Amino acid sequence: MKKQSLILKMVAKTAEKACVRQANTSCPVMTYQPKMPEAVKKLRKF
């Protein structure tokens, strides 16, 4: 049971780091920039 809990925490932390990284970058393609959810906008560092 503890192993499963540890794995779930690691997955959650990895997902959060991915969201923070995406919130602070822009799309390299000039024609399309998808709308970010408000929850992800709150993770921005600037």
C-alpha atoms as a PDB file:
ATOM      1  CA  MET A   1       0.000   0.000   0.000  1.00  0.00           C
ATOM      2  CA  LYS A   2       2.823   2.415   0.808  1.00  0.00           C
ATOM      3  CA  LYS A   3       4.513   1.697  -2.514  1.00  0.00           C
ATOM      4  CA  GLN A   4       1.359   2.640  -4.406  1.00  0.00           C
ATOM      5  CA  SER A   5       1.065   5.867  -2.402  1.00  0.00           C
ATOM      6  CA  LEU A   6       4.677   6.764  -3.170  1.00  0.00           C
ATOM      7  CA  ILE A   7       4.163   6.149  -6.886  1.00  0.00           C
ATOM      8  CA  LEU A   8       1.029   8.324  -6.934  1.00  0.00           C
ATOM      9  CA  LYS A   9       2.897  11.156  -5.196  1.00  0.00           C
ATOM     10  CA  MET A  10       5.728  10.921  -7.729  1.00  0.00           C
ATOM     11  CA  VAL A  11       3.277  11.011 -10.656  1.00  0.00           C
ATOM     12  CA  ALA A  12       1.499  14.041  -9.175  1.00  0.00           C
ATOM     13  CA  LYS A  13       4.775  15.892  -8.630  1.00  0.00           C
ATOM     14  CA  THR A  14       5.928  15.133 -12.189  1.00  0.00           C
ATOM     15  CA  ALA A  15       2.614  16.357 -13.609  1.00  0.00           C
ATOM     16  CA  GLU A  16       2.836  19.577 -11.594  1.00  0.00           C
ATOM     17  CA  LYS A  17       6.381  20.248 -12.829  1.00  0.00           C
ATOM     18  CA  ALA A  18       5.243  19.672 -16.417  1.00  0.00           C
ATOM     19  CA  CYS A  19       2.410  22.195 -15.951  1.00  0.00           C
ATOM     20  CA  VAL A  20       4.777  24.796 -14.495  1.00  0.00           C
ATOM     21  CA  ARG A  21       7.146  24.328 -17.420  1.00  0.00           C
ATOM     22  CA  GLN A  22       4.324  24.665 -19.964  1.00  0.00           C
ATOM     23  CA  ALA A  23       2.932  27.753 -18.211  1.00  0.00           C
ATOM     24  CA  ASN A  24       6.259  29.544 -18.628  1.00  0.00           C
ATOM     25  CA  THR A  25       6.817  28.758 -22.313  1.00  0.00           C
ATOM     26  CA  SER A  26       5.069  29.803 -25.485  1.00  0.00           C
ATOM     27  CA  CYS A  27       4.203  27.879 -28.610  1.00  0.00           C
ATOM     28  CA  PRO A  28       7.034  27.906 -31.189  1.00  0.00           C
ATOM     29  CA  VAL A  29       4.526  27.854 -34.050  1.00  0.00           C
ATOM     30  CA  MET A  30       3.303  31.318 -35.000  1.00  0.00           C
ATOM     31  CA  THR A  31      -0.234  30.295 -35.959  1.00  0.00           C
ATOM     32  CA  TYR A  32      -1.476  28.367 -32.933  1.00  0.00           C
ATOM     33  CA  GLN A  33      -1.285  29.011 -29.205  1.00  0.00           C
ATOM     34  CA  PRO A  34      -3.922  27.043 -27.251  1.00  0.00           C
ATOM     35  CA  LYS A  35      -5.751  28.755 -24.388  1.00  0.00           C
ATOM     36  CA  MET A  36      -4.366  27.933 -20.953  1.00  0.00           C
ATOM     37  CA  PRO A  37      -6.709  27.044 -18.105  1.00  0.00           C
ATOM     38  CA  GLU A  38      -6.829  29.521 -15.214  1.00  0.00           C
ATOM     39  CA  ALA A  39      -5.302  26.948 -12.843  1.00  0.00           C
ATOM     40  CA  VAL A  40      -2.207  26.700 -15.057  1.00  0.00           C
ATOM     41  CA  LYS A  41      -1.957  30.502 -15.427  1.00  0.00           C
ATOM     42  CA  LYS A  42      -1.572  30.734 -11.653  1.00  0.00           C
ATOM     43  CA  LEU A  43       1.651  28.695 -11.902  1.00  0.00           C
ATOM     44  CA  ARG A  44       3.398  31.328 -14.033  1.00  0.00           C
ATOM     45  CA  LYS A  45       6.550  32.845 -12.572  1.00  0.00           C
ATOM     46  CA  PHE A  46       6.328  36.275 -14.203  1.00  0.00           C
END
